[in-house]
Each structure stands twice: as C-alpha cells, then as structure tokens.
C-alpha cells in the first residue's frame, strides 16, 4: 500500500494526547517519521510529564513506524529552536510542522488575570510562531542553496477564535491570531516551497469535555463524530506532497465534515465622497448593519 507521507519528517506539538496524538499516529501510519512533542502538562498548562509523549512514541514504534519523543517547551524561543533542531538531527531533514500545543485558562474578561491572559497567548500564539520561524529559516536556507523544498506548516485555530465564544477572550484571541498568522505566513513562505494552512477542529478532548454536555457516549462500534481521530486524515493529507497547491486556507473539520472558513471580508459600505459629521452616522451605521445581516 502506498503511504502518502512516506519518508517525510514531521513535528507535532502537543502530541501526547487528544487531537495531537491522533495526528502523530496517522502521520506515522502514512509513512512519516514523527517528532512527538509534548510537555505532558495539565489542561491549564501546569506541570510536566514525559509519559504521554513516550506512550505515543511506543505506539508508533510498535506499529513499525519511526518516532522520537521531545519535551521542549515550544512556547519559548530556545524550546522552539530545539524541537526543530531535534527533528533535523534525528532524521536528517524536516518537512512538516504541525503546531497543535495549547492550554485553557477560561475566564470572563472582568475576572481574568494578567497571568491567565499571558500564558494562553504565549502557549498558543507564540507556540505557533516559534516552531514556524525556525522551520521556515531552515527551509529558506535549503531553498537558497538550490535544493527543492516541498514543506508544510499546519496550524491549529479554533471555532472559538473564528466565531467568538464568551469566556474565552484569551484563547479566542490567540486562535483568531493563529488563523491570520497562517494566511500571512502562506504569502511570505510560498517563495521557498512552503505551504501554510490552518484547521479549526471539533472533537471531544480534555480541552472540550466541559462543553460536551450530557450527550451519551457512542456504543462500541458506533460512529463517533466527536472522536479526535477524525481530524487526523485532513492534517495528514495537508502534510503530504499531494497538497502542494493548497495554501493560505483555514479548514473547519469535525466528524466527517470538512468546510472552508471564508474569514474576514468587506461587507456593505457607503462613501459620500466627503467627511462625515458624527451626528449623521447613526442611521448610516444601522443601515449598514442591517444590510450585512440580510
């Protein structure tokens, strides 16, 4: 059987559990060599544990794949640099970065602390920028040396960032930023043979179990539309050479559903060709809002 990621080297951050774990396993199943990066922290980012990353590596190796564990903190500059170096040193190259690591510190704005804001922004947004930066620098050097580069960055946004969930201003701002970052990075890195896309996944994980309500778990053998494993096929395809023509996209993926997020766009507008008076704008703005919602 042909494997669509045969021989490719991929980093997956936050790969010890949930969606990230599924990415790592599916990439390995399709022939990739995988760096399984995970600090083993709790959902709120507290603590460390090598165990989750080790277990995923053992699963991959038991199935005949190649993987190494990595516990560098990708939300720090040295950690982001180290995980990229680890892939290159261990496997001789790097082809794919899947930025998936994240934490939650949900709180209403009036109650949120500076630390809760800073930590979530750091882990999600800086934790996406850092590995992308060091991987992009590596690919640019290869491209300028005349080598053929066919690389991928796949980032993790969220419907919270795209559609705005109350109580998640830190998380939503970071995830919205990741979507925009992905589109900008696609424009900047295309010249070096790098595509950049993002996903907004929907699945039942440690980070979303509080939102799952009282829905009954599926019976053994039944289709589970909330399984994290449902997200991995799209990510694996995006990581493969088959996706070379796809870049700058944000995908919504959940269960068996895949959709494109159309993002920000210019809606209804008006131009009077002269400066407005503040007292004139009430009716104008209300009319524009009504047109945008129609």
C-alpha atoms as a PDB file:
ATOM      1  CA  UNK A   1       0.000   0.000   0.000  1.00  0.00           C
ATOM      2  CA  UNK A   2       1.270   3.445  -0.896  1.00  0.00           C
ATOM      3  CA  UNK A   3       1.765   5.813   2.054  1.00  0.00           C
ATOM      4  CA  UNK A   4       1.168   9.463   1.193  1.00  0.00           C
ATOM      5  CA  UNK A   5       3.756  10.759   3.692  1.00  0.00           C
ATOM      6  CA  UNK A   6       6.408   8.118   3.059  1.00  0.00           C
ATOM      7  CA  UNK A   7       9.807   9.311   4.296  1.00  0.00           C
ATOM      8  CA  UNK A   8       8.627  12.766   5.346  1.00  0.00           C
ATOM      9  CA  UNK A   9       9.755  14.112   8.718  1.00  0.00           C
ATOM     10  CA  UNK A  10       7.081  15.786  10.817  1.00  0.00           C
ATOM     11  CA  UNK A  11       6.989  17.604  14.144  1.00  0.00           C
ATOM     12  CA  UNK A  12       3.680  17.502  16.006  1.00  0.00           C
ATOM     13  CA  UNK A  13       3.473  19.723  19.086  1.00  0.00           C
ATOM     14  CA  UNK A  14       1.065  18.822  21.862  1.00  0.00           C
ATOM     15  CA  UNK A  15       1.128  15.265  20.525  1.00  0.00           C
ATOM     16  CA  UNK A  16       0.849  13.346  23.786  1.00  0.00           C
ATOM     17  CA  UNK A  17      -2.931  13.255  23.957  1.00  0.00           C
ATOM     18  CA  UNK A  18      -6.127  14.061  22.090  1.00  0.00           C
ATOM     19  CA  UNK A  19      -6.008  15.590  18.621  1.00  0.00           C
ATOM     20  CA  UNK A  20      -2.220  15.897  18.578  1.00  0.00           C
ATOM     21  CA  UNK A  21      -1.772  12.233  19.453  1.00  0.00           C
ATOM     22  CA  UNK A  22      -4.085  11.282  16.588  1.00  0.00           C
ATOM     23  CA  UNK A  23      -2.080  13.461  14.191  1.00  0.00           C
ATOM     24  CA  UNK A  24       1.155  11.757  15.211  1.00  0.00           C
ATOM     25  CA  UNK A  25      -0.255   8.243  14.876  1.00  0.00           C
ATOM     26  CA  UNK A  26      -1.871   8.908  11.480  1.00  0.00           C
ATOM     27  CA  UNK A  27       1.224  10.616  10.074  1.00  0.00           C
ATOM     28  CA  UNK A  28       3.317   7.642  11.156  1.00  0.00           C
ATOM     29  CA  UNK A  29       0.799   5.212   9.686  1.00  0.00           C
ATOM     30  CA  UNK A  30       1.179   7.039   6.377  1.00  0.00           C
ATOM     31  CA  UNK A  31       4.955   6.681   6.466  1.00  0.00           C
ATOM     32  CA  UNK A  32       6.199   9.846   8.190  1.00  0.00           C
ATOM     33  CA  UNK A  33       8.954   9.929  10.799  1.00  0.00           C
ATOM     34  CA  UNK A  34       7.459  11.832  13.722  1.00  0.00           C
ATOM     35  CA  UNK A  35       8.829  14.035  16.478  1.00  0.00           C
ATOM     36  CA  UNK A  36       6.238  13.677  19.256  1.00  0.00           C
ATOM     37  CA  UNK A  37       6.495  16.928  21.208  1.00  0.00           C
ATOM     38  CA  UNK A  38       4.591  17.267  24.473  1.00  0.00           C
ATOM     39  CA  UNK A  39       5.321  18.704  27.915  1.00  0.00           C
ATOM     40  CA  UNK A  40       2.722  16.425  29.489  1.00  0.00           C
ATOM     41  CA  UNK A  41       1.053  19.356  31.238  1.00  0.00           C
ATOM     42  CA  UNK A  42      -2.455  19.537  32.629  1.00  0.00           C
ATOM     43  CA  UNK A  43      -5.121  21.323  30.578  1.00  0.00           C
ATOM     44  CA  UNK A  44      -4.242  24.605  32.310  1.00  0.00           C
ATOM     45  CA  UNK A  45      -0.570  24.200  31.407  1.00  0.00           C
ATOM     46  CA  UNK A  46       0.610  23.264  34.879  1.00  0.00           C
ATOM     47  CA  UNK A  47       3.168  20.506  35.490  1.00  0.00           C
ATOM     48  CA  UNK A  48       5.222  18.313  33.191  1.00  0.00           C
ATOM     49  CA  UNK A  49       5.232  14.590  32.453  1.00  0.00           C
ATOM     50  CA  UNK A  50       7.286  12.707  29.857  1.00  0.00           C
ATOM     51  CA  UNK A  51       4.804   9.840  29.959  1.00  0.00           C
ATOM     52  CA  UNK A  52       2.259  10.920  27.319  1.00  0.00           C
ATOM     53  CA  UNK A  53       4.908  11.565  24.648  1.00  0.00           C
ATOM     54  CA  UNK A  54       6.673   8.297  25.484  1.00  0.00           C
ATOM     55  CA  UNK A  55       3.455   6.313  25.149  1.00  0.00           C
ATOM     56  CA  UNK A  56       2.728   7.749  21.694  1.00  0.00           C
ATOM     57  CA  UNK A  57       6.280   7.010  20.542  1.00  0.00           C
ATOM     58  CA  UNK A  58       5.944   3.440  21.781  1.00  0.00           C
ATOM     59  CA  UNK A  59       2.640   3.048  19.906  1.00  0.00           C
ATOM     60  CA  UNK A  60       4.224   4.275  16.688  1.00  0.00           C
ATOM     61  CA  UNK A  61       7.253   2.024  17.050  1.00  0.00           C
ATOM     62  CA  UNK A  62       5.096  -0.990  17.947  1.00  0.00           C
ATOM     63  CA  UNK A  63       3.249  -0.486  14.664  1.00  0.00           C
ATOM     64  CA  UNK A  64       6.529  -0.426  12.742  1.00  0.00           C
ATOM     65  CA  UNK A  65       6.895   3.353  12.460  1.00  0.00           C
ATOM     66  CA  UNK A  66       9.689   5.728  13.405  1.00  0.00           C
ATOM     67  CA  UNK A  67       9.306   8.370  16.116  1.00  0.00           C
ATOM     68  CA  UNK A  68      11.152  10.156  18.882  1.00  0.00           C
ATOM     69  CA  UNK A  69       9.817  11.965  21.914  1.00  0.00           C
ATOM     70  CA  UNK A  70      10.554  15.600  22.660  1.00  0.00           C
ATOM     71  CA  UNK A  71       9.600  17.675  25.712  1.00  0.00           C
ATOM     72  CA  UNK A  72      10.946  21.082  24.679  1.00  0.00           C
ATOM     73  CA  UNK A  73       8.634  23.971  25.547  1.00  0.00           C
ATOM     74  CA  UNK A  74       7.744  25.370  22.118  1.00  0.00           C
ATOM     75  CA  UNK A  75       6.228  28.493  23.672  1.00  0.00           C
ATOM     76  CA  UNK A  76       9.780  29.607  24.476  1.00  0.00           C
ATOM     77  CA  UNK A  77      12.309  30.759  21.890  1.00  0.00           C
ATOM     78  CA  UNK A  78      15.000  28.203  22.885  1.00  0.00           C
ATOM     79  CA  UNK A  79      12.405  25.416  23.055  1.00  0.00           C
ATOM     80  CA  UNK A  80      11.034  26.168  19.588  1.00  0.00           C
ATOM     81  CA  UNK A  81      14.544  26.198  18.168  1.00  0.00           C
ATOM     82  CA  UNK A  82      15.412  22.956  19.962  1.00  0.00           C
ATOM     83  CA  UNK A  83      12.450  20.950  18.669  1.00  0.00           C
ATOM     84  CA  UNK A  84      13.262  21.899  15.075  1.00  0.00           C
ATOM     85  CA  UNK A  85      16.926  21.015  15.624  1.00  0.00           C
ATOM     86  CA  UNK A  86      15.879  17.706  17.193  1.00  0.00           C
ATOM     87  CA  UNK A  87      13.984  16.669  14.062  1.00  0.00           C
ATOM     88  CA  UNK A  88      16.868  17.550  11.753  1.00  0.00           C
ATOM     89  CA  UNK A  89      19.491  15.899  13.945  1.00  0.00           C
ATOM     90  CA  UNK A  90      17.446  12.723  14.441  1.00  0.00           C
ATOM     91  CA  UNK A  91      16.099  12.216  10.916  1.00  0.00           C
ATOM     92  CA  UNK A  92      18.360  14.347   8.727  1.00  0.00           C
ATOM     93  CA  UNK A  93      15.665  16.712   7.481  1.00  0.00           C
ATOM     94  CA  UNK A  94      12.354  18.393   8.288  1.00  0.00           C
ATOM     95  CA  UNK A  95       9.315  18.553   6.023  1.00  0.00           C
ATOM     96  CA  UNK A  96       6.277  19.243   8.180  1.00  0.00           C
ATOM     97  CA  UNK A  97       5.420  21.219  11.310  1.00  0.00           C
ATOM     98  CA  UNK A  98       2.013  20.662  12.906  1.00  0.00           C
ATOM     99  CA  UNK A  99       1.511  23.324  15.580  1.00  0.00           C
ATOM    100  CA  UNK A 100      -1.071  21.883  17.947  1.00  0.00           C
ATOM    101  CA  UNK A 101       0.071  22.591  21.534  1.00  0.00           C
ATOM    102  CA  UNK A 102      -2.371  24.541  23.677  1.00  0.00           C
ATOM    103  CA  UNK A 103      -3.809  25.193  27.124  1.00  0.00           C
ATOM    104  CA  UNK A 104      -7.003  26.648  28.574  1.00  0.00           C
ATOM    105  CA  UNK A 105      -7.496  29.309  31.242  1.00  0.00           C
ATOM    106  CA  UNK A 106     -11.138  30.227  30.641  1.00  0.00           C
ATOM    107  CA  UNK A 107     -12.413  33.283  32.467  1.00  0.00           C
ATOM    108  CA  UNK A 108     -14.687  36.241  31.827  1.00  0.00           C
ATOM    109  CA  UNK A 109     -12.767  39.417  30.969  1.00  0.00           C
ATOM    110  CA  UNK A 110     -13.651  41.155  34.231  1.00  0.00           C
ATOM    111  CA  UNK A 111     -12.180  38.245  36.230  1.00  0.00           C
ATOM    112  CA  UNK A 112      -9.227  37.266  34.042  1.00  0.00           C
ATOM    113  CA  UNK A 113      -5.760  37.816  35.463  1.00  0.00           C
ATOM    114  CA  UNK A 114      -2.751  39.074  33.574  1.00  0.00           C
ATOM    115  CA  UNK A 115      -1.113  35.674  34.001  1.00  0.00           C
ATOM    116  CA  UNK A 116      -4.147  33.851  32.571  1.00  0.00           C
ATOM    117  CA  UNK A 117      -4.088  36.126  29.538  1.00  0.00           C
ATOM    118  CA  UNK A 118      -0.323  35.977  29.015  1.00  0.00           C
ATOM    119  CA  UNK A 119       0.033  32.214  29.440  1.00  0.00           C
ATOM    120  CA  UNK A 120      -2.685  31.331  26.933  1.00  0.00           C
ATOM    121  CA  UNK A 121      -1.412  33.814  24.351  1.00  0.00           C
ATOM    122  CA  UNK A 122       2.148  32.562  24.863  1.00  0.00           C
ATOM    123  CA  UNK A 123       1.400  28.853  24.534  1.00  0.00           C
ATOM    124  CA  UNK A 124      -0.943  29.134  21.555  1.00  0.00           C
ATOM    125  CA  UNK A 125       0.275  32.121  19.582  1.00  0.00           C
ATOM    126  CA  UNK A 126       3.988  32.219  20.403  1.00  0.00           C
ATOM    127  CA  UNK A 127       3.992  28.412  20.472  1.00  0.00           C
ATOM    128  CA  UNK A 128       2.841  28.527  16.852  1.00  0.00           C
ATOM    129  CA  UNK A 129       5.146  31.343  15.753  1.00  0.00           C
ATOM    130  CA  UNK A 130       8.341  29.908  17.288  1.00  0.00           C
ATOM    131  CA  UNK A 131       8.464  26.493  15.563  1.00  0.00           C
ATOM    132  CA  UNK A 132       7.247  28.077  12.331  1.00  0.00           C
ATOM    133  CA  UNK A 133      10.016  30.690  12.496  1.00  0.00           C
ATOM    134  CA  UNK A 134      12.855  28.213  12.986  1.00  0.00           C
ATOM    135  CA  UNK A 135      11.463  25.722  10.461  1.00  0.00           C
ATOM    136  CA  UNK A 136      10.978  28.500   7.894  1.00  0.00           C
ATOM    137  CA  UNK A 137      14.556  29.674   8.383  1.00  0.00           C
ATOM    138  CA  UNK A 138      15.766  26.109   7.751  1.00  0.00           C
ATOM    139  CA  UNK A 139      13.649  25.769   4.597  1.00  0.00           C
ATOM    140  CA  UNK A 140      14.741  29.167   3.298  1.00  0.00           C
ATOM    141  CA  UNK A 141      18.379  28.157   3.641  1.00  0.00           C
ATOM    142  CA  UNK A 142      17.727  24.946   1.723  1.00  0.00           C
ATOM    143  CA  UNK A 143      15.847  26.833  -0.988  1.00  0.00           C
ATOM    144  CA  UNK A 144      18.584  29.433  -1.371  1.00  0.00           C
ATOM    145  CA  UNK A 145      21.133  26.610  -1.635  1.00  0.00           C
ATOM    146  CA  UNK A 146      19.255  25.362  -4.692  1.00  0.00           C
ATOM    147  CA  UNK A 147      17.521  22.414  -3.076  1.00  0.00           C
ATOM    148  CA  UNK A 148      13.916  21.551  -3.894  1.00  0.00           C
ATOM    149  CA  UNK A 149      11.705  22.302  -0.877  1.00  0.00           C
ATOM    150  CA  UNK A 150       8.207  20.849  -0.505  1.00  0.00           C
ATOM    151  CA  UNK A 151       7.394  21.724   3.095  1.00  0.00           C
ATOM    152  CA  UNK A 152       4.252  22.183   5.159  1.00  0.00           C
ATOM    153  CA  UNK A 153       3.095  24.130   8.197  1.00  0.00           C
ATOM    154  CA  UNK A 154      -0.302  23.179   9.611  1.00  0.00           C
ATOM    155  CA  UNK A 155      -1.573  25.334  12.465  1.00  0.00           C
ATOM    156  CA  UNK A 156      -4.439  24.835  14.886  1.00  0.00           C
ATOM    157  CA  UNK A 157      -7.050  27.559  15.120  1.00  0.00           C
ATOM    158  CA  UNK A 158     -10.486  27.086  16.701  1.00  0.00           C
ATOM    159  CA  UNK A 159     -14.130  27.946  16.212  1.00  0.00           C
ATOM    160  CA  UNK A 160     -13.711  29.949  19.423  1.00  0.00           C
ATOM    161  CA  UNK A 161     -11.315  32.202  17.554  1.00  0.00           C
ATOM    162  CA  UNK A 162     -13.327  32.279  14.341  1.00  0.00           C
ATOM    163  CA  UNK A 163     -16.802  32.657  15.861  1.00  0.00           C
ATOM    164  CA  UNK A 164     -16.074  34.162  19.316  1.00  0.00           C
ATOM    165  CA  UNK A 165     -17.019  32.176  22.438  1.00  0.00           C
ATOM    166  CA  UNK A 166     -17.736  34.220  25.591  1.00  0.00           C
ATOM    167  CA  UNK A 167     -15.436  33.328  28.480  1.00  0.00           C
ATOM    168  CA  UNK A 168     -12.525  32.618  26.143  1.00  0.00           C
ATOM    169  CA  UNK A 169     -11.169  36.041  25.219  1.00  0.00           C
ATOM    170  CA  UNK A 170      -7.568  34.872  25.723  1.00  0.00           C
ATOM    171  CA  UNK A 171      -7.999  31.569  23.900  1.00  0.00           C
ATOM    172  CA  UNK A 172     -10.190  33.055  21.167  1.00  0.00           C
ATOM    173  CA  UNK A 173      -7.822  35.960  20.540  1.00  0.00           C
ATOM    174  CA  UNK A 174      -4.908  33.524  20.233  1.00  0.00           C
ATOM    175  CA  UNK A 175      -6.794  31.204  17.897  1.00  0.00           C
ATOM    176  CA  UNK A 176      -8.028  34.059  15.724  1.00  0.00           C
ATOM    177  CA  UNK A 177      -4.453  35.302  15.600  1.00  0.00           C
ATOM    178  CA  UNK A 178      -3.264  31.866  14.510  1.00  0.00           C
ATOM    179  CA  UNK A 179      -5.712  31.847  11.591  1.00  0.00           C
ATOM    180  CA  UNK A 180      -4.483  35.252  10.406  1.00  0.00           C
ATOM    181  CA  UNK A 181      -0.859  34.304  11.049  1.00  0.00           C
ATOM    182  CA  UNK A 182      -1.328  31.243   8.849  1.00  0.00           C
ATOM    183  CA  UNK A 183      -2.631  33.278   5.925  1.00  0.00           C
ATOM    184  CA  UNK A 184       0.213  35.796   6.213  1.00  0.00           C
ATOM    185  CA  UNK A 185       2.810  33.029   6.549  1.00  0.00           C
ATOM    186  CA  UNK A 186       1.441  31.348   3.421  1.00  0.00           C
ATOM    187  CA  UNK A 187       2.037  34.565   1.474  1.00  0.00           C
ATOM    188  CA  UNK A 188       5.553  35.007   2.854  1.00  0.00           C
ATOM    189  CA  UNK A 189       6.840  31.429   2.623  1.00  0.00           C
ATOM    190  CA  UNK A 190       5.423  30.284  -0.713  1.00  0.00           C
ATOM    191  CA  UNK A 191       8.557  31.504  -2.499  1.00  0.00           C
ATOM    192  CA  UNK A 192      10.587  28.934  -0.535  1.00  0.00           C
ATOM    193  CA  UNK A 193       8.347  25.956  -1.355  1.00  0.00           C
ATOM    194  CA  UNK A 194       6.385  26.058   1.896  1.00  0.00           C
ATOM    195  CA  UNK A 195       2.609  25.885   2.206  1.00  0.00           C
ATOM    196  CA  UNK A 196       0.828  27.061   5.355  1.00  0.00           C
ATOM    197  CA  UNK A 197      -2.726  26.165   6.312  1.00  0.00           C
ATOM    198  CA  UNK A 198      -4.781  26.029   9.494  1.00  0.00           C
ATOM    199  CA  UNK A 199      -7.544  23.862  10.868  1.00  0.00           C
ATOM    200  CA  UNK A 200     -10.317  24.651  13.327  1.00  0.00           C
ATOM    201  CA  UNK A 201     -11.071  21.178  14.720  1.00  0.00           C
ATOM    202  CA  UNK A 202     -14.152  19.969  16.533  1.00  0.00           C
ATOM    203  CA  UNK A 203     -13.631  16.907  18.751  1.00  0.00           C
ATOM    204  CA  UNK A 204     -14.086  15.675  22.297  1.00  0.00           C
ATOM    205  CA  UNK A 205     -10.786  16.081  24.162  1.00  0.00           C
ATOM    206  CA  UNK A 206      -9.591  17.158  27.606  1.00  0.00           C
ATOM    207  CA  UNK A 207      -9.940  20.770  26.451  1.00  0.00           C
ATOM    208  CA  UNK A 208     -13.537  20.426  25.252  1.00  0.00           C
ATOM    209  CA  UNK A 209     -15.081  17.835  27.570  1.00  0.00           C
ATOM    210  CA  UNK A 210     -16.662  20.564  29.726  1.00  0.00           C
ATOM    211  CA  UNK A 211     -18.592  21.714  26.640  1.00  0.00           C
ATOM    212  CA  UNK A 212     -19.860  18.260  25.698  1.00  0.00           C
ATOM    213  CA  UNK A 213     -22.998  18.440  27.841  1.00  0.00           C
ATOM    214  CA  UNK A 214     -24.931  15.297  28.662  1.00  0.00           C
ATOM    215  CA  UNK A 215     -24.740  13.611  25.276  1.00  0.00           C
ATOM    216  CA  UNK A 216     -24.359   9.869  25.658  1.00  0.00           C
ATOM    217  CA  UNK A 217     -21.123   8.304  24.502  1.00  0.00           C
ATOM    218  CA  UNK A 218     -21.479   6.137  21.384  1.00  0.00           C
ATOM    219  CA  UNK A 219     -21.646   2.395  21.808  1.00  0.00           C
ATOM    220  CA  UNK A 220     -18.666   0.237  20.866  1.00  0.00           C
ATOM    221  CA  UNK A 221     -18.518   0.008  17.088  1.00  0.00           C
ATOM    222  CA  UNK A 222     -20.782   3.020  16.521  1.00  0.00           C
ATOM    223  CA  UNK A 223     -19.682   6.052  14.533  1.00  0.00           C
ATOM    224  CA  UNK A 224     -18.250   8.614  16.924  1.00  0.00           C
ATOM    225  CA  UNK A 225     -18.360  12.015  15.269  1.00  0.00           C
ATOM    226  CA  UNK A 226     -16.566  13.575  18.244  1.00  0.00           C
ATOM    227  CA  UNK A 227     -13.502  11.316  18.118  1.00  0.00           C
ATOM    228  CA  UNK A 228     -10.157  13.164  17.854  1.00  0.00           C
ATOM    229  CA  UNK A 229      -9.066  10.619  15.257  1.00  0.00           C
ATOM    230  CA  UNK A 230     -11.489  12.182  12.759  1.00  0.00           C
ATOM    231  CA  UNK A 231      -9.301  15.280  12.462  1.00  0.00           C
ATOM    232  CA  UNK A 232      -6.068  13.499  11.559  1.00  0.00           C
ATOM    233  CA  UNK A 233      -6.812  12.447   7.943  1.00  0.00           C
ATOM    234  CA  UNK A 234      -7.081  16.059   6.728  1.00  0.00           C
ATOM    235  CA  UNK A 235      -3.935  17.076   8.584  1.00  0.00           C
ATOM    236  CA  UNK A 236      -2.085  14.074   7.164  1.00  0.00           C
ATOM    237  CA  UNK A 237      -3.200  14.921   3.632  1.00  0.00           C
ATOM    238  CA  UNK A 238      -2.156  18.547   4.126  1.00  0.00           C
ATOM    239  CA  UNK A 239       1.237  17.249   5.290  1.00  0.00           C
ATOM    240  CA  UNK A 240       1.697  15.187   2.144  1.00  0.00           C
ATOM    241  CA  UNK A 241       3.105  16.117  -1.279  1.00  0.00           C
ATOM    242  CA  UNK A 242      -0.437  15.808  -2.657  1.00  0.00           C
ATOM    243  CA  UNK A 243      -1.407  19.148  -1.041  1.00  0.00           C
ATOM    244  CA  UNK A 244       1.279  21.265  -2.742  1.00  0.00           C
ATOM    245  CA  UNK A 245      -1.286  23.515  -4.448  1.00  0.00           C
ATOM    246  CA  UNK A 246      -3.229  24.284  -1.245  1.00  0.00           C
ATOM    247  CA  UNK A 247      -2.050  27.148   0.939  1.00  0.00           C
ATOM    248  CA  UNK A 248      -3.430  30.037   2.969  1.00  0.00           C
ATOM    249  CA  UNK A 249      -6.629  28.169   3.869  1.00  0.00           C
ATOM    250  CA  UNK A 250      -8.437  27.729   7.177  1.00  0.00           C
ATOM    251  CA  UNK A 251     -10.414  24.479   7.327  1.00  0.00           C
ATOM    252  CA  UNK A 252     -13.269  23.625   9.693  1.00  0.00           C
ATOM    253  CA  UNK A 253     -13.128  19.902  10.399  1.00  0.00           C
ATOM    254  CA  UNK A 254     -15.282  17.806  12.711  1.00  0.00           C
ATOM    255  CA  UNK A 255     -16.529  14.231  12.426  1.00  0.00           C
ATOM    256  CA  UNK A 256     -16.859  13.569   8.707  1.00  0.00           C
ATOM    257  CA  UNK A 257     -17.371  17.242   7.845  1.00  0.00           C
ATOM    258  CA  UNK A 258     -14.815  19.494   6.170  1.00  0.00           C
ATOM    259  CA  UNK A 259     -15.508  23.116   5.283  1.00  0.00           C
ATOM    260  CA  UNK A 260     -13.561  26.221   4.329  1.00  0.00           C
ATOM    261  CA  UNK A 261     -13.673  29.259   6.605  1.00  0.00           C
ATOM    262  CA  UNK A 262     -14.122  32.343   4.441  1.00  0.00           C
ATOM    263  CA  UNK A 263     -12.805  34.676   7.146  1.00  0.00           C
ATOM    264  CA  UNK A 264     -12.950  38.434   7.133  1.00  0.00           C
ATOM    265  CA  UNK A 265     -14.360  40.105   4.026  1.00  0.00           C
ATOM    266  CA  UNK A 266     -15.636  43.516   3.006  1.00  0.00           C
ATOM    267  CA  UNK A 267     -19.356  43.800   3.594  1.00  0.00           C
ATOM    268  CA  UNK A 268     -21.818  46.551   2.668  1.00  0.00           C
ATOM    269  CA  UNK A 269     -20.358  50.045   2.591  1.00  0.00           C
ATOM    270  CA  UNK A 270     -21.097  53.639   1.695  1.00  0.00           C
ATOM    271  CA  UNK A 271     -18.911  56.522   0.517  1.00  0.00           C
ATOM    272  CA  UNK A 272     -20.256  60.069   0.484  1.00  0.00           C
ATOM    273  CA  UNK A 273     -17.074  61.483  -1.029  1.00  0.00           C
ATOM    274  CA  UNK A 274     -16.634  63.933   1.845  1.00  0.00           C
ATOM    275  CA  UNK A 275     -16.087  63.928   5.596  1.00  0.00           C
ATOM    276  CA  UNK A 276     -18.985  62.755   7.765  1.00  0.00           C
ATOM    277  CA  UNK A 277     -20.436  64.659  10.683  1.00  0.00           C
ATOM    278  CA  UNK A 278     -20.741  62.458  13.796  1.00  0.00           C
ATOM    279  CA  UNK A 279     -24.437  63.301  14.106  1.00  0.00           C
ATOM    280  CA  UNK A 280     -25.111  61.871  10.643  1.00  0.00           C
ATOM    281  CA  UNK A 281     -23.689  58.424  11.322  1.00  0.00           C
ATOM    282  CA  UNK A 282     -26.362  56.777  13.480  1.00  0.00           C
ATOM    283  CA  UNK A 283     -28.720  55.996  10.613  1.00  0.00           C
ATOM    284  CA  UNK A 284     -25.847  55.193   8.256  1.00  0.00           C
ATOM    285  CA  UNK A 285     -24.283  52.612  10.563  1.00  0.00           C
ATOM    286  CA  UNK A 286     -27.622  50.992  11.416  1.00  0.00           C
ATOM    287  CA  UNK A 287     -28.396  50.652   7.702  1.00  0.00           C
ATOM    288  CA  UNK A 288     -25.031  49.018   7.017  1.00  0.00           C
ATOM    289  CA  UNK A 289     -25.519  46.544   9.891  1.00  0.00           C
ATOM    290  CA  UNK A 290     -28.981  45.618   8.595  1.00  0.00           C
ATOM    291  CA  UNK A 291     -27.601  45.083   5.075  1.00  0.00           C
ATOM    292  CA  UNK A 292     -24.748  42.927   6.399  1.00  0.00           C
ATOM    293  CA  UNK A 293     -27.192  40.729   8.323  1.00  0.00           C
ATOM    294  CA  UNK A 294     -29.682  40.321   5.482  1.00  0.00           C
END
